[in-house]
Amino acid sequence: MSRLTCGFLTLGLLLCTSSLPASASEQVSIQTLLSPDAGSYQRHTVTIEGVVKNMSIHPPGMDRQGCVVYGTSTFTLDDETGSTIPTEVLGACKPSAALGLPKNGDHVRVIAVVNVFRSDHPRKVRLQATSIEVLNTP
């Protein structure tokens, strides 16, 4: 095979793999994120389903650029394993950001970035939600 053909094949392979969705995330349980393997999920994007508990919506505040941020909130996500994990929503610079937030008792699918603050026992892991889909309301 010529060098030119090899170059085109390599370029074609790169183009094909770069067109895969970057937002693809692994579906995991909270129990997995709280296991001894927690550190391996640091800064990974994951998908978790569960029930919203202890929802707390924070008042609008200013970010560093002077934008008013709406919809900043925290809640606990409880999945079918009986495990819970704290979850935060950073909000957005638009007043409607708070309108789409889930309520206590909602069954949701959350896409989030995993932050492992402590991987040894007792583990400290928190999710930073990038997307929340309400699947069912009580």
N, C-alpha and C. Protein backbone atom coordinates (compact mmCIF):
# COMPACT_ATOMS: atom_id res chain seq x y z
N MET A 1 0.85 -1.17 0.00
CA MET A 1 0.00 0.00 0.00
C MET A 1 0.90 1.23 0.00
N SER A 2 0.57 2.22 -0.83
CA SER A 2 1.40 3.41 -0.92
C SER A 2 1.22 4.30 0.31
N ARG A 3 2.18 5.20 0.50
CA ARG A 3 2.11 6.13 1.64
C ARG A 3 0.90 7.04 1.50
N LEU A 4 0.58 7.42 0.27
CA LEU A 4 -0.56 8.29 0.04
C LEU A 4 -1.86 7.59 0.43
N THR A 5 -2.00 6.32 0.05
CA THR A 5 -3.20 5.55 0.41
C THR A 5 -3.29 5.40 1.93
N CYS A 6 -2.15 5.11 2.57
CA CYS A 6 -2.13 4.99 4.03
C CYS A 6 -2.56 6.30 4.68
N GLY A 7 -2.08 7.42 4.14
CA GLY A 7 -2.44 8.73 4.68
C GLY A 7 -3.93 8.98 4.58
N PHE A 8 -4.53 8.65 3.42
CA PHE A 8 -5.97 8.84 3.24
C PHE A 8 -6.78 7.93 4.17
N LEU A 9 -6.32 6.68 4.34
CA LEU A 9 -7.02 5.77 5.25
C LEU A 9 -6.97 6.29 6.69
N THR A 10 -5.80 6.78 7.10
CA THR A 10 -5.66 7.32 8.45
C THR A 10 -6.55 8.53 8.63
N LEU A 11 -6.55 9.44 7.65
CA LEU A 11 -7.39 10.63 7.72
C LEU A 11 -8.87 10.24 7.77
N GLY A 12 -9.26 9.27 6.95
CA GLY A 12 -10.65 8.81 6.94
C GLY A 12 -11.06 8.22 8.28
N LEU A 13 -10.17 7.44 8.88
CA LEU A 13 -10.46 6.84 10.19
C LEU A 13 -10.60 7.93 11.25
N LEU A 14 -9.73 8.93 11.22
CA LEU A 14 -9.83 10.04 12.17
C LEU A 14 -11.13 10.80 12.00
N LEU A 15 -11.52 11.05 10.76
CA LEU A 15 -12.77 11.78 10.52
C LEU A 15 -13.97 10.98 10.99
N CYS A 16 -13.95 9.67 10.78
CA CYS A 16 -15.07 8.83 11.22
C CYS A 16 -15.18 8.80 12.74
N THR A 17 -14.05 8.63 13.43
CA THR A 17 -14.12 8.56 14.88
C THR A 17 -14.40 9.92 15.50
N SER A 18 -13.98 11.01 14.85
CA SER A 18 -14.25 12.32 15.43
C SER A 18 -15.70 12.72 15.26
N SER A 19 -16.44 12.02 14.41
CA SER A 19 -17.86 12.35 14.24
C SER A 19 -18.75 11.62 15.25
N LEU A 20 -18.15 10.78 16.10
CA LEU A 20 -18.93 10.13 17.15
C LEU A 20 -19.36 11.17 18.17
N PRO A 21 -20.51 11.01 18.78
CA PRO A 21 -20.98 12.03 19.71
C PRO A 21 -20.07 12.14 20.93
N ALA A 22 -19.63 13.37 21.21
CA ALA A 22 -18.75 13.61 22.36
C ALA A 22 -19.53 13.54 23.66
N SER A 23 -20.85 13.64 23.56
CA SER A 23 -21.67 13.67 24.77
C SER A 23 -22.05 12.27 25.27
N ALA A 24 -21.59 11.25 24.57
CA ALA A 24 -21.93 9.89 25.01
C ALA A 24 -21.38 9.68 26.41
N SER A 25 -22.22 9.15 27.27
CA SER A 25 -21.79 8.94 28.65
C SER A 25 -22.19 7.54 29.10
N GLU A 26 -21.45 7.05 30.07
CA GLU A 26 -21.68 5.70 30.59
C GLU A 26 -22.79 5.73 31.64
N GLN A 27 -23.75 4.82 31.52
CA GLN A 27 -24.81 4.70 32.53
C GLN A 27 -24.24 3.91 33.70
N VAL A 28 -24.29 4.51 34.89
CA VAL A 28 -23.76 3.87 36.10
C VAL A 28 -24.75 4.03 37.24
N SER A 29 -24.54 3.25 38.29
CA SER A 29 -25.35 3.41 39.50
C SER A 29 -24.57 4.28 40.48
N ILE A 30 -25.28 4.84 41.43
CA ILE A 30 -24.62 5.63 42.47
C ILE A 30 -23.69 4.72 43.27
N GLN A 31 -24.13 3.50 43.50
CA GLN A 31 -23.32 2.54 44.24
C GLN A 31 -21.95 2.37 43.59
N THR A 32 -21.90 2.35 42.26
CA THR A 32 -20.64 2.24 41.54
C THR A 32 -19.75 3.44 41.82
N LEU A 33 -20.37 4.64 41.82
CA LEU A 33 -19.59 5.86 42.04
C LEU A 33 -19.08 5.98 43.48
N LEU A 34 -19.71 5.27 44.40
CA LEU A 34 -19.29 5.30 45.80
C LEU A 34 -18.42 4.10 46.17
N SER A 35 -18.10 3.27 45.18
CA SER A 35 -17.29 2.07 45.41
C SER A 35 -15.81 2.43 45.50
N PRO A 36 -14.95 1.46 45.82
CA PRO A 36 -13.51 1.73 45.85
C PRO A 36 -12.96 2.20 44.50
N ASP A 37 -13.70 1.97 43.41
CA ASP A 37 -13.26 2.41 42.08
C ASP A 37 -13.67 3.85 41.78
N ALA A 38 -14.16 4.58 42.76
CA ALA A 38 -14.68 5.94 42.53
C ALA A 38 -13.68 6.83 41.79
N GLY A 39 -12.41 6.74 42.15
CA GLY A 39 -11.40 7.59 41.53
C GLY A 39 -11.29 7.43 40.03
N SER A 40 -11.63 6.26 39.52
CA SER A 40 -11.53 6.03 38.07
C SER A 40 -12.60 6.81 37.29
N TYR A 41 -13.59 7.35 37.99
CA TYR A 41 -14.64 8.14 37.33
C TYR A 41 -14.39 9.65 37.43
N GLN A 42 -13.29 10.06 38.05
CA GLN A 42 -13.01 11.48 38.22
C GLN A 42 -13.08 12.22 36.89
N ARG A 43 -13.92 13.27 36.83
CA ARG A 43 -14.13 14.14 35.67
C ARG A 43 -14.73 13.41 34.46
N HIS A 44 -15.26 12.21 34.65
CA HIS A 44 -15.95 11.50 33.57
C HIS A 44 -17.40 11.95 33.53
N THR A 45 -17.99 11.91 32.36
CA THR A 45 -19.41 12.20 32.21
C THR A 45 -20.17 10.89 32.29
N VAL A 46 -21.18 10.86 33.16
CA VAL A 46 -21.97 9.65 33.38
C VAL A 46 -23.45 9.97 33.30
N THR A 47 -24.26 8.93 33.13
CA THR A 47 -25.71 9.05 33.16
C THR A 47 -26.23 8.23 34.34
N ILE A 48 -27.08 8.85 35.15
CA ILE A 48 -27.66 8.19 36.32
C ILE A 48 -29.14 8.50 36.37
N GLU A 49 -29.94 7.50 36.71
CA GLU A 49 -31.37 7.72 36.93
C GLU A 49 -31.67 7.57 38.40
N GLY A 50 -32.60 8.38 38.88
CA GLY A 50 -32.97 8.29 40.28
C GLY A 50 -34.07 9.27 40.63
N VAL A 51 -34.34 9.39 41.92
CA VAL A 51 -35.40 10.25 42.43
C VAL A 51 -34.76 11.45 43.14
N VAL A 52 -35.28 12.64 42.85
CA VAL A 52 -34.77 13.88 43.45
C VAL A 52 -35.27 13.99 44.89
N LYS A 53 -34.34 14.28 45.79
CA LYS A 53 -34.67 14.51 47.21
C LYS A 53 -33.95 15.78 47.65
N ASN A 54 -34.50 16.47 48.63
CA ASN A 54 -33.85 17.63 49.25
C ASN A 54 -33.46 18.72 48.25
N MET A 55 -34.33 19.01 47.27
CA MET A 55 -34.04 20.05 46.28
C MET A 55 -33.94 21.41 46.97
N SER A 56 -32.88 22.13 46.66
CA SER A 56 -32.68 23.47 47.20
C SER A 56 -32.28 24.39 46.05
N ILE A 57 -33.16 25.32 45.69
CA ILE A 57 -32.87 26.27 44.61
C ILE A 57 -32.33 27.55 45.25
N HIS A 58 -31.16 27.96 44.81
CA HIS A 58 -30.50 29.13 45.38
C HIS A 58 -30.97 30.41 44.68
N PRO A 59 -30.96 31.54 45.38
CA PRO A 59 -31.37 32.79 44.74
C PRO A 59 -30.40 33.18 43.64
N PRO A 60 -30.86 33.96 42.65
CA PRO A 60 -29.95 34.41 41.58
C PRO A 60 -28.75 35.14 42.17
N GLY A 61 -27.61 34.97 41.52
CA GLY A 61 -26.38 35.63 41.97
C GLY A 61 -25.53 36.01 40.78
N MET A 62 -24.54 36.84 41.00
CA MET A 62 -23.64 37.30 39.93
C MET A 62 -22.47 36.34 39.76
N ASP A 63 -22.09 36.11 38.50
CA ASP A 63 -20.87 35.35 38.25
C ASP A 63 -19.71 36.33 38.08
N ARG A 64 -18.53 35.84 37.76
CA ARG A 64 -17.34 36.70 37.65
C ARG A 64 -17.40 37.69 36.49
N GLN A 65 -18.20 37.37 35.49
CA GLN A 65 -18.32 38.27 34.33
C GLN A 65 -19.45 39.28 34.51
N GLY A 66 -20.12 39.26 35.64
CA GLY A 66 -21.20 40.20 35.90
C GLY A 66 -22.56 39.75 35.39
N CYS A 67 -22.67 38.50 35.01
CA CYS A 67 -23.93 37.94 34.52
C CYS A 67 -24.74 37.43 35.72
N VAL A 68 -26.04 37.70 35.73
CA VAL A 68 -26.89 37.16 36.78
C VAL A 68 -27.18 35.70 36.45
N VAL A 69 -26.88 34.79 37.38
CA VAL A 69 -27.04 33.35 37.17
C VAL A 69 -28.29 32.87 37.89
N TYR A 70 -29.17 32.22 37.13
CA TYR A 70 -30.43 31.69 37.64
C TYR A 70 -30.38 30.17 37.63
N GLY A 71 -31.14 29.54 38.51
CA GLY A 71 -31.29 28.08 38.49
C GLY A 71 -30.19 27.31 39.17
N THR A 72 -29.32 27.99 39.91
CA THR A 72 -28.30 27.28 40.67
C THR A 72 -29.00 26.51 41.78
N SER A 73 -28.69 25.22 41.88
CA SER A 73 -29.40 24.41 42.87
C SER A 73 -28.58 23.19 43.27
N THR A 74 -29.02 22.58 44.35
CA THR A 74 -28.42 21.32 44.81
C THR A 74 -29.55 20.38 45.20
N PHE A 75 -29.31 19.09 45.02
CA PHE A 75 -30.26 18.08 45.46
C PHE A 75 -29.53 16.78 45.68
N THR A 76 -30.21 15.85 46.30
CA THR A 76 -29.68 14.51 46.49
C THR A 76 -30.39 13.60 45.49
N LEU A 77 -29.61 12.79 44.79
CA LEU A 77 -30.18 11.83 43.85
C LEU A 77 -30.16 10.46 44.51
N ASP A 78 -31.30 9.78 44.50
CA ASP A 78 -31.47 8.48 45.16
C ASP A 78 -31.84 7.47 44.07
N ASP A 79 -30.99 6.46 43.85
CA ASP A 79 -31.30 5.48 42.81
C ASP A 79 -31.81 4.17 43.41
N GLU A 80 -32.08 3.20 42.56
CA GLU A 80 -32.70 1.95 43.00
C GLU A 80 -31.78 1.08 43.85
N THR A 81 -30.50 1.45 43.97
CA THR A 81 -29.59 0.66 44.81
C THR A 81 -29.70 1.05 46.28
N GLY A 82 -30.45 2.11 46.57
CA GLY A 82 -30.56 2.59 47.94
C GLY A 82 -29.46 3.57 48.30
N SER A 83 -28.61 3.89 47.33
CA SER A 83 -27.52 4.84 47.55
C SER A 83 -27.96 6.24 47.15
N THR A 84 -27.33 7.24 47.74
CA THR A 84 -27.62 8.63 47.38
C THR A 84 -26.32 9.36 47.07
N ILE A 85 -26.44 10.42 46.26
CA ILE A 85 -25.26 11.22 45.92
C ILE A 85 -25.68 12.68 45.77
N PRO A 86 -24.88 13.61 46.34
CA PRO A 86 -25.20 15.02 46.17
C PRO A 86 -24.97 15.45 44.72
N THR A 87 -25.87 16.29 44.23
CA THR A 87 -25.82 16.74 42.84
C THR A 87 -26.00 18.24 42.83
N GLU A 88 -25.23 18.92 41.98
CA GLU A 88 -25.36 20.37 41.87
C GLU A 88 -25.64 20.77 40.43
N VAL A 89 -26.38 21.87 40.30
CA VAL A 89 -26.68 22.47 39.00
C VAL A 89 -26.09 23.87 39.05
N LEU A 90 -25.24 24.22 38.09
CA LEU A 90 -24.57 25.51 38.12
C LEU A 90 -25.44 26.67 37.68
N GLY A 91 -26.54 26.40 36.98
CA GLY A 91 -27.42 27.46 36.53
C GLY A 91 -26.96 28.06 35.21
N ALA A 92 -27.67 29.12 34.79
CA ALA A 92 -27.37 29.77 33.52
C ALA A 92 -27.75 31.25 33.62
N CYS A 93 -27.24 32.03 32.69
CA CYS A 93 -27.50 33.48 32.67
C CYS A 93 -28.79 33.81 31.94
N LYS A 94 -29.85 33.10 32.26
CA LYS A 94 -31.16 33.41 31.69
C LYS A 94 -32.22 33.09 32.74
N PRO A 95 -33.19 33.99 32.92
CA PRO A 95 -34.19 33.82 33.97
C PRO A 95 -34.97 32.51 33.88
N SER A 96 -35.13 31.96 32.69
CA SER A 96 -35.91 30.73 32.54
C SER A 96 -35.16 29.48 33.02
N ALA A 97 -33.88 29.61 33.39
CA ALA A 97 -33.08 28.45 33.80
C ALA A 97 -33.69 27.73 34.99
N ALA A 98 -34.30 28.45 35.90
CA ALA A 98 -34.87 27.83 37.10
C ALA A 98 -36.18 27.10 36.81
N LEU A 99 -36.82 27.43 35.69
CA LEU A 99 -38.12 26.83 35.39
C LEU A 99 -38.04 25.35 35.07
N GLY A 100 -36.93 24.89 34.50
CA GLY A 100 -36.81 23.50 34.09
C GLY A 100 -36.26 22.57 35.16
N LEU A 101 -36.03 23.10 36.36
CA LEU A 101 -35.46 22.26 37.41
C LEU A 101 -36.48 21.24 37.92
N PRO A 102 -36.00 20.05 38.29
CA PRO A 102 -36.93 19.04 38.84
C PRO A 102 -37.38 19.42 40.24
N LYS A 103 -38.40 18.72 40.70
CA LYS A 103 -38.94 18.94 42.05
C LYS A 103 -38.72 17.68 42.88
N ASN A 104 -38.82 17.81 44.18
CA ASN A 104 -38.69 16.65 45.07
C ASN A 104 -39.65 15.55 44.62
N GLY A 105 -39.15 14.33 44.54
CA GLY A 105 -39.97 13.19 44.15
C GLY A 105 -39.95 12.88 42.67
N ASP A 106 -39.45 13.81 41.83
CA ASP A 106 -39.37 13.54 40.39
C ASP A 106 -38.36 12.43 40.11
N HIS A 107 -38.72 11.52 39.20
CA HIS A 107 -37.78 10.50 38.72
C HIS A 107 -37.08 11.12 37.52
N VAL A 108 -35.75 11.21 37.57
CA VAL A 108 -35.00 11.94 36.55
C VAL A 108 -33.87 11.10 35.97
N ARG A 109 -33.44 11.52 34.80
CA ARG A 109 -32.20 11.00 34.18
C ARG A 109 -31.24 12.18 34.15
N VAL A 110 -30.11 12.03 34.81
CA VAL A 110 -29.13 13.10 34.93
C VAL A 110 -27.86 12.72 34.17
N ILE A 111 -27.40 13.62 33.33
CA ILE A 111 -26.07 13.49 32.74
C ILE A 111 -25.20 14.47 33.51
N ALA A 112 -24.10 13.96 34.06
CA ALA A 112 -23.30 14.79 34.96
C ALA A 112 -21.83 14.44 34.89
N VAL A 113 -21.03 15.40 35.32
CA VAL A 113 -19.59 15.19 35.47
C VAL A 113 -19.35 14.77 36.92
N VAL A 114 -18.56 13.72 37.09
CA VAL A 114 -18.26 13.19 38.42
C VAL A 114 -17.07 13.93 39.02
N ASN A 115 -17.23 14.40 40.25
CA ASN A 115 -16.13 15.02 40.99
C ASN A 115 -15.87 14.18 42.23
N VAL A 116 -14.68 13.58 42.27
CA VAL A 116 -14.28 12.75 43.41
C VAL A 116 -13.35 13.59 44.28
N PHE A 117 -13.82 14.00 45.45
CA PHE A 117 -13.03 14.81 46.35
C PHE A 117 -12.22 13.96 47.31
N ARG A 118 -12.70 12.76 47.54
CA ARG A 118 -11.98 11.82 48.41
C ARG A 118 -12.34 10.41 47.95
N SER A 119 -11.32 9.63 47.53
CA SER A 119 -11.60 8.30 47.00
C SER A 119 -11.46 7.20 48.05
N ASP A 120 -10.77 7.50 49.17
CA ASP A 120 -10.70 6.49 50.22
C ASP A 120 -11.91 6.65 51.14
N HIS A 121 -12.09 5.71 52.05
CA HIS A 121 -13.28 5.71 52.90
C HIS A 121 -13.17 6.76 54.00
N PRO A 122 -14.14 7.57 54.31
CA PRO A 122 -15.44 7.65 53.63
C PRO A 122 -15.30 8.49 52.36
N ARG A 123 -15.78 7.96 51.25
CA ARG A 123 -15.65 8.61 49.96
C ARG A 123 -16.51 9.88 49.90
N LYS A 124 -15.99 10.88 49.20
CA LYS A 124 -16.75 12.10 48.99
C LYS A 124 -16.82 12.33 47.49
N VAL A 125 -18.00 12.08 46.93
CA VAL A 125 -18.22 12.19 45.49
C VAL A 125 -19.44 13.08 45.28
N ARG A 126 -19.36 13.94 44.28
CA ARG A 126 -20.47 14.84 43.96
C ARG A 126 -20.63 14.88 42.44
N LEU A 127 -21.89 15.03 42.00
CA LEU A 127 -22.18 15.16 40.57
C LEU A 127 -22.42 16.62 40.23
N GLN A 128 -21.95 17.03 39.06
CA GLN A 128 -22.25 18.35 38.53
C GLN A 128 -23.09 18.12 37.28
N ALA A 129 -24.39 18.37 37.40
CA ALA A 129 -25.33 18.06 36.31
C ALA A 129 -25.11 18.97 35.11
N THR A 130 -25.10 18.36 33.93
CA THR A 130 -25.06 19.12 32.69
C THR A 130 -26.39 19.03 31.95
N SER A 131 -27.19 18.02 32.30
CA SER A 131 -28.50 17.83 31.68
C SER A 131 -29.39 17.04 32.64
N ILE A 132 -30.64 17.49 32.77
CA ILE A 132 -31.60 16.78 33.62
C ILE A 132 -32.88 16.59 32.83
N GLU A 133 -33.32 15.35 32.73
CA GLU A 133 -34.58 15.03 32.06
C GLU A 133 -35.53 14.43 33.09
N VAL A 134 -36.68 15.07 33.26
CA VAL A 134 -37.69 14.53 34.18
C VAL A 134 -38.42 13.41 33.45
N LEU A 135 -38.33 12.19 33.99
CA LEU A 135 -38.96 11.02 33.38
C LEU A 135 -40.37 10.79 33.90
N ASN A 136 -40.57 11.11 35.18
CA ASN A 136 -41.87 10.86 35.80
C ASN A 136 -42.00 11.75 37.03
N THR A 137 -43.20 12.28 37.24
CA THR A 137 -43.46 13.07 38.44
C THR A 137 -44.45 12.32 39.32
N PRO A 138 -44.35 12.50 40.65
CA PRO A 138 -45.25 11.75 41.54
C PRO A 138 -46.69 12.21 41.43
